Amino acid sequence: MPFTIAIIGRPNVGKSTLFNRLVGQKLALVDDEPGVTRDRREGNGRLGDLEFTVIDTAGLDEGAKGSLTARMQEQTETAIALADALMFVIDARAGLTPNDRAFADFARRANKPVVLVANKSEGRHGEVGAMESYALGLGDPVQISAEHGEGLSDLYDSLRVLMPDPTEEGEEFDDDDIIESDEDLAKRPIRVAIVGRPNAGKSTLINHLLGEERLLTSAEAGTTRDSISVEVTWQGRDFRVFDTAGLRRRARIDEKLEKLSVADALRAVRFAEVVVMMMDAQNRFEEQDLRIADLIEREGRAVVLAVNKWDLMEKKGSLISALRTDADHWLPQIKGAPIVAVSGLMGEGIDRLMTAIEEAYAVWNKRVPTAALNRWFEQAVDANPPPAVSGRRLKLNYITQAKARPPSFILFCSRADAVPTSYLRYLTNSLREAFDLPGTPVRITLREKDNPFAHKRKRPS
């Protein structure tokens, strides 16, 4: 198990900035507004030759039992229980506050090694606040500036004392140890992003998969801000699932923080292999749902449609049969994408959803043999020849698959710029049907075949 460090402290002391610095990328949202971080977030941290798991947490704050603030603190307490050591962060510029003193006692009671970090220590004002932190009784403060990368060598020294040696002496690694076989690749977790409009039930569904209240949920839209990833094992298959912030129409997004959350959700879509687009059963296929589906298709990700809150619907039998028809009508660009009725709260349809994700992933990785591909191509062109453009016939030579993930093909032809979009759509739909490629984006790139006689000059008459 890797050494785990939880970053704790009151709101707005720079915990997420320090987290991003340690993981080497901007994973956690950072803003001047206190309380941006709500769920705990894990990442692979590195400082010099030290490697560890680092957990970003919500700011320690008091709240009424059952409130969102109280449940945020429960997430922080869980992170502390999982950690081997704590980084207690204070704002050196602001100096000590009563909350810092109260939460220092909280950290001390955790009975874990604590590194006191005086963040924002650059300049004279930071020096004064760092000196005040001795009163917390947590040892010498490590003065850093997470934003500017100052003081990290001192932080390294403090962590080095707590952590085991990176490797045992004499341990050797073979080149064979780092080569992955096809079987190893098949066992790698499938990366899945859950996206949709606000309050569609994304976090509730993931919590049911995990069997615990890992992610904060609330009737209030916009509870999720960061894109949080969790590991899920379902019937022996590993998944890495990303919960994302709800995606609203761009015209309705006016707060800086929501813009950051949406950008984080879009990054999760680009990182994912399969995207589950979740809709509310009572308000499905709204305009924003169609926009989100179009975004997923443009990014080239495998798609699964999930209609959530199915437990609230009446006459379910007749509605189920209508879902397939509605999906193909409203989303022709991903025709045949699997659609599953689920209830994240009650756990209905979860087996079908996970099966659909695995099947969509397999289709997304599918390769078509070249011989079979060109047999289909000849039949498709014979059945429906390309139209003449400006009185000239289009000649389509042959087709080959360039790559999978998603299935992408190159069509060699005489005049690439003259092939009508409608004819490409015909070939795409025919491809889907002939080789069982439902739902996944299919790319066909046109390329003009080189003229072998173009370099030869005409003979003089």
Protein backbone atom coordinates (compact mmCIF):
# COMPACT_ATOMS: atom_id res chain seq x y z
CA MET A 1 0.00 0.00 0.00
CA PRO A 2 1.38 3.50 -0.84
CA PHE A 3 2.05 5.96 1.96
CA THR A 4 -1.01 8.22 2.26
CA ILE A 5 -1.05 11.87 3.34
CA ALA A 6 -4.24 13.86 3.97
CA ILE A 7 -4.13 17.65 3.61
CA ILE A 8 -6.39 19.25 6.23
CA GLY A 9 -7.13 22.72 7.56
CA ARG A 10 -9.82 25.35 7.65
CA PRO A 11 -11.33 26.65 4.40
CA ASN A 12 -9.33 28.82 1.98
CA VAL A 13 -5.82 28.23 3.35
CA GLY A 14 -4.52 26.80 0.06
CA LYS A 15 -5.02 23.04 0.50
CA SER A 16 -6.11 22.44 -3.10
CA THR A 17 -3.26 24.58 -4.44
CA LEU A 18 -0.81 22.45 -2.45
CA PHE A 19 -2.55 19.28 -3.67
CA ASN A 20 -2.18 20.39 -7.30
CA ARG A 21 1.48 21.24 -6.69
CA LEU A 22 2.19 17.77 -5.27
CA VAL A 23 0.36 15.82 -8.01
CA GLY A 24 1.93 17.97 -10.72
CA GLN A 25 -1.27 19.02 -12.45
CA LYS A 26 -4.38 21.09 -11.82
CA LEU A 27 -6.74 18.34 -10.71
CA ALA A 28 -8.51 20.20 -7.89
CA LEU A 29 -10.50 23.39 -8.45
CA VAL A 30 -8.92 26.49 -6.91
CA ASP A 31 -10.74 29.76 -6.25
CA ASP A 32 -10.67 32.63 -3.74
CA GLU A 33 -14.15 31.64 -2.55
CA PRO A 34 -13.97 29.50 0.63
CA GLY A 35 -15.43 25.99 0.56
CA VAL A 36 -14.73 25.17 -3.10
CA THR A 37 -13.63 21.62 -2.26
CA ARG A 38 -16.47 19.42 -0.99
CA ASP A 39 -15.62 15.77 -1.64
CA ARG A 40 -12.26 14.29 -0.78
CA ARG A 41 -10.01 13.84 -3.79
CA GLU A 42 -7.03 11.49 -4.17
CA GLY A 43 -3.99 11.80 -6.41
CA ASN A 44 -0.51 10.38 -6.90
CA GLY A 45 1.85 12.84 -5.24
CA ARG A 46 5.55 13.23 -5.83
CA LEU A 47 8.17 15.38 -4.14
CA GLY A 48 11.73 14.67 -5.22
CA ASP A 49 12.18 10.91 -4.94
CA LEU A 50 9.22 10.58 -2.55
CA GLU A 51 6.07 9.03 -3.98
CA PHE A 52 2.82 8.87 -2.04
CA THR A 53 -0.95 9.14 -2.24
CA VAL A 54 -2.22 12.58 -1.31
CA ILE A 55 -5.83 13.39 -0.36
CA ASP A 56 -7.33 16.85 -0.75
CA THR A 57 -10.14 17.49 1.73
CA ALA A 58 -12.90 19.97 2.39
CA GLY A 59 -12.04 22.74 4.83
CA LEU A 60 -12.69 21.78 8.43
CA ASP A 61 -15.79 23.71 9.45
CA GLU A 62 -18.69 23.32 11.84
CA GLY A 63 -22.22 22.66 10.63
CA ALA A 64 -25.57 21.39 11.88
CA LYS A 65 -25.97 17.63 11.90
CA GLY A 66 -27.13 16.37 8.52
CA SER A 67 -26.27 19.62 6.73
CA LEU A 68 -24.05 19.75 3.67
CA THR A 69 -21.26 21.31 5.76
CA ALA A 70 -21.46 18.53 8.35
CA ARG A 71 -21.31 15.86 5.65
CA MET A 72 -18.32 17.61 4.10
CA GLN A 73 -16.57 17.33 7.46
CA GLU A 74 -17.47 13.63 7.61
CA GLN A 75 -15.63 13.21 4.28
CA THR A 76 -12.60 14.91 5.83
CA GLU A 77 -12.74 12.66 8.90
CA THR A 78 -12.81 9.62 6.60
CA ALA A 79 -9.71 10.92 4.79
CA ILE A 80 -7.92 11.36 8.13
CA ALA A 81 -8.78 7.78 9.11
CA LEU A 82 -7.36 6.48 5.81
CA ALA A 83 -4.14 8.52 6.01
CA ASP A 84 -0.76 7.53 7.41
CA ALA A 85 0.15 11.16 8.10
CA LEU A 86 -1.48 14.60 8.02
CA MET A 87 -0.46 17.95 6.60
CA PHE A 88 -2.15 20.60 8.71
CA VAL A 89 -2.21 23.78 6.61
CA ILE A 90 -2.63 27.31 7.94
CA ASP A 91 -2.66 30.67 6.18
CA ALA A 92 0.51 32.42 7.36
CA ARG A 93 -0.66 35.78 6.02
CA ALA A 94 -3.92 35.65 7.96
CA GLY A 95 -2.21 34.40 11.13
CA LEU A 96 -3.76 32.02 13.64
CA THR A 97 -7.54 32.00 14.01
CA PRO A 98 -9.71 30.35 16.68
CA ASN A 99 -10.68 27.73 14.06
CA ASP A 100 -7.01 26.89 13.49
CA ARG A 101 -6.58 26.28 17.22
CA ALA A 102 -9.74 24.16 17.48
CA PHE A 103 -8.84 22.02 14.47
CA ALA A 104 -5.25 21.62 15.65
CA ASP A 105 -6.72 19.80 18.67
CA PHE A 106 -8.80 17.73 16.24
CA ALA A 107 -5.67 16.78 14.28
CA ARG A 108 -3.79 15.93 17.47
CA ARG A 109 -6.57 13.56 18.60
CA ALA A 110 -6.27 11.67 15.30
CA ASN A 111 -3.08 10.13 16.69
CA LYS A 112 -1.28 10.43 13.34
CA PRO A 113 2.04 12.13 12.52
CA VAL A 114 1.33 15.78 11.67
CA VAL A 115 3.38 18.12 9.47
CA LEU A 116 2.45 21.74 10.20
CA VAL A 117 2.49 23.70 6.93
CA ALA A 118 2.44 27.51 7.01
CA ASN A 119 1.24 28.31 3.50
CA LYS A 120 1.42 31.75 1.82
CA SER A 121 4.63 32.44 3.73
CA GLU A 122 6.20 34.59 1.04
CA GLY A 123 7.02 38.11 2.25
CA ARG A 124 7.28 39.72 5.69
CA HIS A 125 3.62 39.23 6.66
CA GLY A 126 3.91 35.50 6.05
CA GLU A 127 6.94 35.28 8.33
CA VAL A 128 4.99 36.76 11.26
CA GLY A 129 2.06 34.35 10.82
CA ALA A 130 4.41 31.36 10.61
CA MET A 131 5.97 32.32 13.93
CA GLU A 132 2.50 32.46 15.53
CA SER A 133 1.85 28.85 14.50
CA TYR A 134 4.27 27.57 17.14
CA ALA A 135 1.42 28.16 19.60
CA LEU A 136 -0.48 25.22 18.07
CA GLY A 137 1.96 22.76 19.62
CA LEU A 138 2.39 20.78 16.40
CA GLY A 139 6.13 21.32 16.08
CA ASP A 140 8.13 23.55 13.75
CA PRO A 141 6.10 25.01 10.89
CA VAL A 142 7.26 24.33 7.34
CA GLN A 143 7.05 27.68 5.56
CA ILE A 144 5.98 27.31 1.92
CA SER A 145 4.17 29.06 -0.89
CA ALA A 146 2.18 26.40 -2.71
CA GLU A 147 1.24 28.86 -5.44
CA HIS A 148 4.83 29.87 -6.20
CA GLY A 149 6.55 26.57 -5.34
CA GLU A 150 8.67 28.04 -2.55
CA GLY A 151 9.81 26.03 0.49
CA LEU A 152 9.19 22.60 -1.05
CA SER A 153 12.70 21.42 -0.11
CA ASP A 154 11.85 21.99 3.56
CA LEU A 155 8.57 20.12 3.07
CA TYR A 156 10.54 17.27 1.50
CA ASP A 157 12.78 17.05 4.58
CA SER A 158 9.75 16.86 6.90
CA LEU A 159 8.06 14.13 4.85
CA ARG A 160 11.26 12.16 4.33
CA VAL A 161 11.46 11.53 8.10
CA LEU A 162 7.93 10.07 8.15
CA MET A 163 8.04 7.90 5.05
CA PRO A 164 9.64 4.50 4.47
CA ASP A 165 12.52 4.15 2.00
CA PRO A 166 11.36 4.36 -1.62
CA THR A 167 12.91 0.96 -2.42
CA GLU A 168 14.74 -1.71 -0.53
CA GLU A 169 18.50 -1.83 -1.11
CA GLY A 170 19.57 -4.34 -3.71
CA GLU A 171 16.12 -4.52 -5.29
CA GLU A 172 16.45 -4.80 -9.06
CA PHE A 173 13.93 -4.42 -11.82
CA ASP A 174 13.91 -6.28 -15.09
CA ASP A 175 12.74 -4.78 -18.36
CA ASP A 176 10.14 -7.56 -18.46
CA ASP A 177 8.53 -6.09 -15.34
CA ILE A 178 7.34 -3.00 -17.20
CA ILE A 179 6.10 -4.63 -20.41
CA GLU A 180 2.32 -5.09 -20.45
CA SER A 181 0.86 -8.06 -22.27
CA ASP A 182 -2.52 -8.00 -24.04
CA GLU A 183 -3.93 -9.85 -21.06
CA ASP A 184 -2.64 -7.10 -18.72
CA LEU A 185 -4.24 -4.43 -20.89
CA ALA A 186 -7.56 -6.28 -20.76
CA LYS A 187 -7.41 -6.15 -16.96
CA ARG A 188 -6.83 -2.40 -16.78
CA PRO A 189 -9.74 -0.43 -15.32
CA ILE A 190 -12.23 0.98 -17.81
CA ARG A 191 -12.33 4.76 -17.41
CA VAL A 192 -15.97 5.86 -17.15
CA ALA A 193 -17.28 9.44 -16.84
CA ILE A 194 -20.82 10.03 -15.58
CA VAL A 195 -22.18 13.26 -17.07
CA GLY A 196 -25.50 15.01 -17.36
CA ARG A 197 -27.52 18.03 -16.36
CA PRO A 198 -27.46 19.20 -12.71
CA ASN A 199 -29.35 17.05 -10.22
CA ALA A 200 -29.70 14.06 -12.57
CA GLY A 201 -28.53 11.72 -9.79
CA LYS A 202 -24.94 11.06 -10.88
CA SER A 203 -23.38 11.01 -7.40
CA THR A 204 -26.22 8.90 -5.98
CA LEU A 205 -25.64 6.25 -8.64
CA ILE A 206 -21.89 6.07 -7.92
CA ASN A 207 -22.52 5.83 -4.19
CA HIS A 208 -24.76 2.81 -4.83
CA LEU A 209 -22.03 1.20 -6.92
CA LEU A 210 -19.56 1.69 -4.09
CA GLY A 211 -21.96 0.64 -1.36
CA GLU A 212 -21.08 3.71 0.72
CA GLU A 213 -21.73 7.46 0.89
CA ARG A 214 -18.43 8.28 -0.81
CA LEU A 215 -19.73 11.32 -2.71
CA LEU A 216 -21.81 14.16 -1.34
CA THR A 217 -25.41 14.24 -2.55
CA SER A 218 -28.11 16.84 -2.04
CA ALA A 219 -31.48 17.85 -3.46
CA GLU A 220 -29.79 21.15 -4.28
CA ALA A 221 -28.44 21.24 -7.85
CA GLY A 222 -24.70 21.87 -8.16
CA THR A 223 -23.53 19.94 -5.10
CA THR A 224 -20.70 18.31 -7.07
CA ARG A 225 -17.96 20.70 -8.16
CA ASP A 226 -14.76 18.73 -8.73
CA SER A 227 -14.61 15.70 -11.02
CA ILE A 228 -13.94 13.01 -8.42
CA SER A 229 -12.62 9.61 -9.51
CA VAL A 230 -13.31 6.42 -7.55
CA GLU A 231 -12.31 2.79 -8.07
CA VAL A 232 -15.21 0.37 -8.57
CA THR A 233 -15.06 -3.41 -8.97
CA TRP A 234 -18.17 -4.98 -10.48
CA GLN A 235 -18.39 -8.74 -10.98
CA GLY A 236 -14.63 -9.07 -11.20
CA ARG A 237 -14.10 -6.16 -13.64
CA ASP A 238 -12.36 -2.97 -12.50
CA PHE A 239 -13.65 0.49 -13.39
CA ARG A 240 -12.38 3.98 -12.67
CA VAL A 241 -15.51 6.10 -12.44
CA PHE A 242 -15.52 9.92 -12.61
CA ASP A 243 -18.34 11.86 -11.01
CA THR A 244 -18.73 15.27 -12.66
CA ALA A 245 -20.48 18.57 -12.10
CA GLY A 246 -23.82 19.06 -13.82
CA LEU A 247 -23.59 20.64 -17.26
CA ARG A 248 -25.95 23.54 -17.88
CA ARG A 249 -26.39 25.66 -20.98
CA ARG A 250 -23.48 28.07 -21.41
CA ALA A 251 -25.82 31.10 -21.35
CA ARG A 252 -26.94 30.19 -17.83
CA ILE A 253 -23.41 29.89 -16.42
CA ASP A 254 -22.35 33.21 -14.96
CA GLU A 255 -20.30 32.30 -11.89
CA LYS A 256 -16.56 31.77 -12.23
CA LEU A 257 -16.67 28.71 -9.96
CA GLU A 258 -19.32 26.98 -12.07
CA LYS A 259 -17.28 27.67 -15.21
CA LEU A 260 -14.31 25.94 -13.54
CA SER A 261 -16.52 22.98 -12.58
CA VAL A 262 -17.83 22.61 -16.12
CA ALA A 263 -14.30 22.78 -17.56
CA ASP A 264 -13.29 20.03 -15.09
CA ALA A 265 -16.24 17.90 -16.24
CA LEU A 266 -15.22 18.34 -19.88
CA ARG A 267 -11.68 17.22 -19.05
CA ALA A 268 -13.16 14.09 -17.45
CA VAL A 269 -15.04 13.35 -20.69
CA ARG A 270 -11.83 13.66 -22.72
CA PHE A 271 -9.97 11.39 -20.30
CA ALA A 272 -12.73 8.74 -20.23
CA GLU A 273 -13.15 5.75 -22.51
CA VAL A 274 -16.88 5.28 -21.91
CA VAL A 275 -19.21 8.16 -21.05
CA VAL A 276 -22.53 7.50 -19.34
CA MET A 277 -24.92 10.32 -20.19
CA MET A 278 -27.50 10.44 -17.41
CA MET A 279 -30.95 11.90 -17.92
CA ASP A 280 -33.83 12.49 -15.54
CA ALA A 281 -36.62 10.04 -16.43
CA GLN A 282 -39.23 12.77 -15.95
CA ASN A 283 -37.42 15.27 -18.20
CA ARG A 284 -35.48 13.19 -20.69
CA PHE A 285 -34.08 14.24 -24.08
CA GLU A 286 -34.19 17.93 -23.29
CA GLU A 287 -32.15 20.35 -25.39
CA GLN A 288 -29.18 20.27 -23.01
CA ASP A 289 -29.17 16.45 -23.07
CA LEU A 290 -28.86 16.57 -26.85
CA ARG A 291 -25.99 19.07 -26.62
CA ILE A 292 -24.14 16.87 -24.12
CA ALA A 293 -24.58 13.80 -26.33
CA ASP A 294 -23.25 15.76 -29.30
CA LEU A 295 -20.20 16.79 -27.25
CA ILE A 296 -19.49 13.16 -26.33
CA GLU A 297 -19.75 12.10 -29.97
CA ARG A 298 -17.37 14.87 -31.08
CA GLU A 299 -14.85 13.73 -28.47
CA GLY A 300 -15.08 10.20 -29.91
CA ARG A 301 -16.04 8.39 -26.70
CA ALA A 302 -18.19 5.29 -26.33
CA VAL A 303 -21.66 6.27 -25.11
CA VAL A 304 -24.18 4.67 -22.77
CA LEU A 305 -27.50 6.44 -22.11
CA ALA A 306 -28.86 6.09 -18.57
CA VAL A 307 -32.38 7.23 -17.71
CA ASN A 308 -32.29 7.75 -13.93
CA LYS A 309 -35.04 8.02 -11.28
CA TRP A 310 -36.97 5.27 -13.05
CA ASP A 311 -38.55 4.32 -9.72
CA LEU A 312 -40.67 7.49 -9.95
CA MET A 313 -42.23 6.54 -13.28
CA GLU A 314 -45.62 4.87 -13.79
CA LYS A 315 -46.58 2.45 -16.62
CA LYS A 316 -42.94 1.45 -16.98
CA GLY A 317 -43.60 -1.39 -19.42
CA SER A 318 -44.86 0.82 -22.23
CA LEU A 319 -42.20 3.47 -21.55
CA ILE A 320 -39.30 1.03 -21.83
CA SER A 321 -40.14 0.18 -25.44
CA ALA A 322 -40.42 3.89 -26.26
CA LEU A 323 -36.94 4.71 -24.93
CA ARG A 324 -35.15 3.01 -27.82
CA THR A 325 -37.28 4.78 -30.42
CA ASP A 326 -36.82 8.16 -28.73
CA ALA A 327 -33.05 7.70 -28.42
CA ASP A 328 -32.58 6.90 -32.12
CA HIS A 329 -34.88 9.77 -33.11
CA TRP A 330 -33.22 12.45 -31.01
CA LEU A 331 -29.62 11.18 -31.22
CA PRO A 332 -29.05 9.90 -34.78
CA GLN A 333 -25.30 10.64 -34.51
CA ILE A 334 -24.97 7.81 -31.96
CA LYS A 335 -27.70 5.58 -33.34
CA GLY A 336 -28.00 2.31 -31.46
CA ALA A 337 -26.26 3.55 -28.30
CA PRO A 338 -27.35 1.33 -25.39
CA ILE A 339 -30.03 2.91 -23.23
CA VAL A 340 -30.74 1.65 -19.72
CA ALA A 341 -33.45 2.62 -17.23
CA VAL A 342 -31.96 2.87 -13.73
CA SER A 343 -32.61 4.13 -10.23
CA GLY A 344 -29.42 5.17 -8.48
CA LEU A 345 -31.31 5.57 -5.22
CA MET A 346 -33.01 2.15 -5.25
CA GLY A 347 -30.29 0.26 -7.17
CA GLU A 348 -32.56 -0.74 -10.05
CA GLY A 349 -30.95 -1.53 -13.39
CA ILE A 350 -27.35 -1.27 -12.12
CA ASP A 351 -26.41 -4.73 -13.47
CA ARG A 352 -27.75 -3.81 -16.91
CA LEU A 353 -25.89 -0.49 -16.84
CA MET A 354 -22.52 -2.04 -16.00
CA THR A 355 -23.03 -4.72 -18.67
CA ALA A 356 -23.85 -1.99 -21.20
CA ILE A 357 -20.65 -0.12 -20.27
CA GLU A 358 -18.54 -3.23 -20.86
CA GLU A 359 -20.25 -3.91 -24.20
CA ALA A 360 -19.86 -0.29 -25.34
CA TYR A 361 -16.17 -0.44 -24.39
CA ALA A 362 -15.73 -3.60 -26.48
CA VAL A 363 -17.39 -1.99 -29.51
CA TRP A 364 -15.25 1.14 -29.07
CA ASN A 365 -12.12 -1.04 -29.30
CA LYS A 366 -13.36 -3.14 -32.21
CA ARG A 367 -11.26 -3.77 -35.33
CA VAL A 368 -12.77 -4.98 -38.60
CA PRO A 369 -10.71 -7.33 -40.82
CA THR A 370 -9.64 -5.57 -44.04
CA ALA A 371 -10.96 -8.33 -46.32
CA ALA A 372 -14.42 -8.26 -44.72
CA LEU A 373 -14.38 -4.46 -44.75
CA ASN A 374 -13.76 -4.23 -48.48
CA ARG A 375 -16.33 -6.94 -49.28
CA TRP A 376 -18.88 -4.81 -47.43
CA PHE A 377 -17.60 -1.68 -49.20
CA GLU A 378 -18.12 -3.15 -52.68
CA GLN A 379 -21.63 -4.28 -51.80
CA ALA A 380 -22.52 -0.90 -50.25
CA VAL A 381 -21.27 1.06 -53.28
CA ASP A 382 -22.99 -1.33 -55.73
CA ALA A 383 -26.27 -1.02 -53.84
CA ASN A 384 -26.07 2.78 -53.72
CA PRO A 385 -23.43 4.32 -56.02
CA PRO A 386 -22.14 7.80 -55.13
CA PRO A 387 -23.86 10.60 -57.05
CA ALA A 388 -22.16 12.44 -59.89
CA VAL A 389 -21.01 15.93 -58.90
CA SER A 390 -20.88 18.67 -61.55
CA GLY A 391 -21.39 16.02 -64.18
CA ARG A 392 -18.35 14.04 -63.11
CA ARG A 393 -18.48 10.58 -61.58
CA LEU A 394 -16.94 10.02 -58.14
CA LYS A 395 -14.67 7.03 -57.95
CA LEU A 396 -14.38 5.30 -54.58
CA ASN A 397 -11.38 2.95 -54.57
CA TYR A 398 -11.16 1.11 -51.24
CA ILE A 399 -11.43 1.52 -47.49
CA THR A 400 -9.23 0.49 -44.55
CA GLN A 401 -9.46 0.84 -40.78
CA ALA A 402 -6.83 3.24 -39.43
CA LYS A 403 -7.43 2.67 -35.72
CA ALA A 404 -9.94 1.79 -33.04
CA ARG A 405 -10.98 3.81 -29.95
CA PRO A 406 -13.25 4.88 -31.70
CA PRO A 407 -13.38 2.83 -34.96
CA SER A 408 -11.83 5.10 -37.59
CA PHE A 409 -11.60 4.38 -41.31
CA ILE A 410 -9.84 5.90 -44.31
CA LEU A 411 -11.71 5.93 -47.62
CA PHE A 412 -9.54 6.40 -50.70
CA CYS A 413 -11.32 8.15 -53.57
CA SER A 414 -10.80 10.36 -56.60
CA ARG A 415 -12.19 13.70 -55.35
CA ALA A 416 -12.36 13.88 -51.57
CA ASP A 417 -13.82 17.40 -51.43
CA ALA A 418 -16.75 16.43 -53.68
CA VAL A 419 -18.15 13.47 -51.70
CA PRO A 420 -21.53 14.60 -50.27
CA THR A 421 -22.06 14.52 -46.50
CA SER A 422 -25.27 12.55 -47.05
CA TYR A 423 -23.33 9.77 -48.78
CA LEU A 424 -20.82 9.59 -45.92
CA ARG A 425 -23.77 9.30 -43.54
CA TYR A 426 -25.11 6.41 -45.63
CA LEU A 427 -21.74 4.61 -45.44
CA THR A 428 -21.49 5.22 -41.68
CA ASN A 429 -24.94 3.79 -40.97
CA SER A 430 -24.24 0.83 -43.25
CA LEU A 431 -20.95 0.20 -41.42
CA ARG A 432 -22.71 0.22 -38.06
CA GLU A 433 -25.26 -2.31 -39.25
CA ALA A 434 -22.85 -4.62 -41.09
CA PHE A 435 -20.24 -4.89 -38.32
CA ASP A 436 -22.39 -4.40 -35.22
CA LEU A 437 -21.05 -1.00 -34.13
CA PRO A 438 -24.06 0.44 -32.28
CA GLY A 439 -23.76 3.79 -30.56
CA THR A 440 -20.03 4.32 -30.72
CA PRO A 441 -18.75 7.21 -32.87
CA VAL A 442 -17.56 6.04 -36.29
CA ARG A 443 -15.06 8.19 -38.17
CA ILE A 444 -14.59 8.05 -41.97
CA THR A 445 -11.76 10.21 -43.34
CA LEU A 446 -11.56 10.84 -47.08
CA ARG A 447 -8.20 10.68 -48.78
CA GLU A 448 -7.43 11.12 -52.45
CA LYS A 449 -5.49 8.28 -54.02
CA ASP A 450 -2.20 9.37 -55.59
CA ASN A 451 -2.18 9.46 -59.38
CA PRO A 452 0.77 7.26 -60.45
CA PHE A 453 1.04 9.16 -63.74
CA ALA A 454 0.94 12.67 -62.31
CA HIS A 455 4.75 13.03 -62.37
CA LYS A 456 5.07 12.03 -66.02
CA ARG A 457 5.16 14.77 -68.61
CA LYS A 458 3.07 14.60 -71.73
CA ARG A 459 4.98 13.57 -74.83
CA PRO A 460 5.45 16.35 -77.34
CA SER A 461 3.14 15.94 -80.34
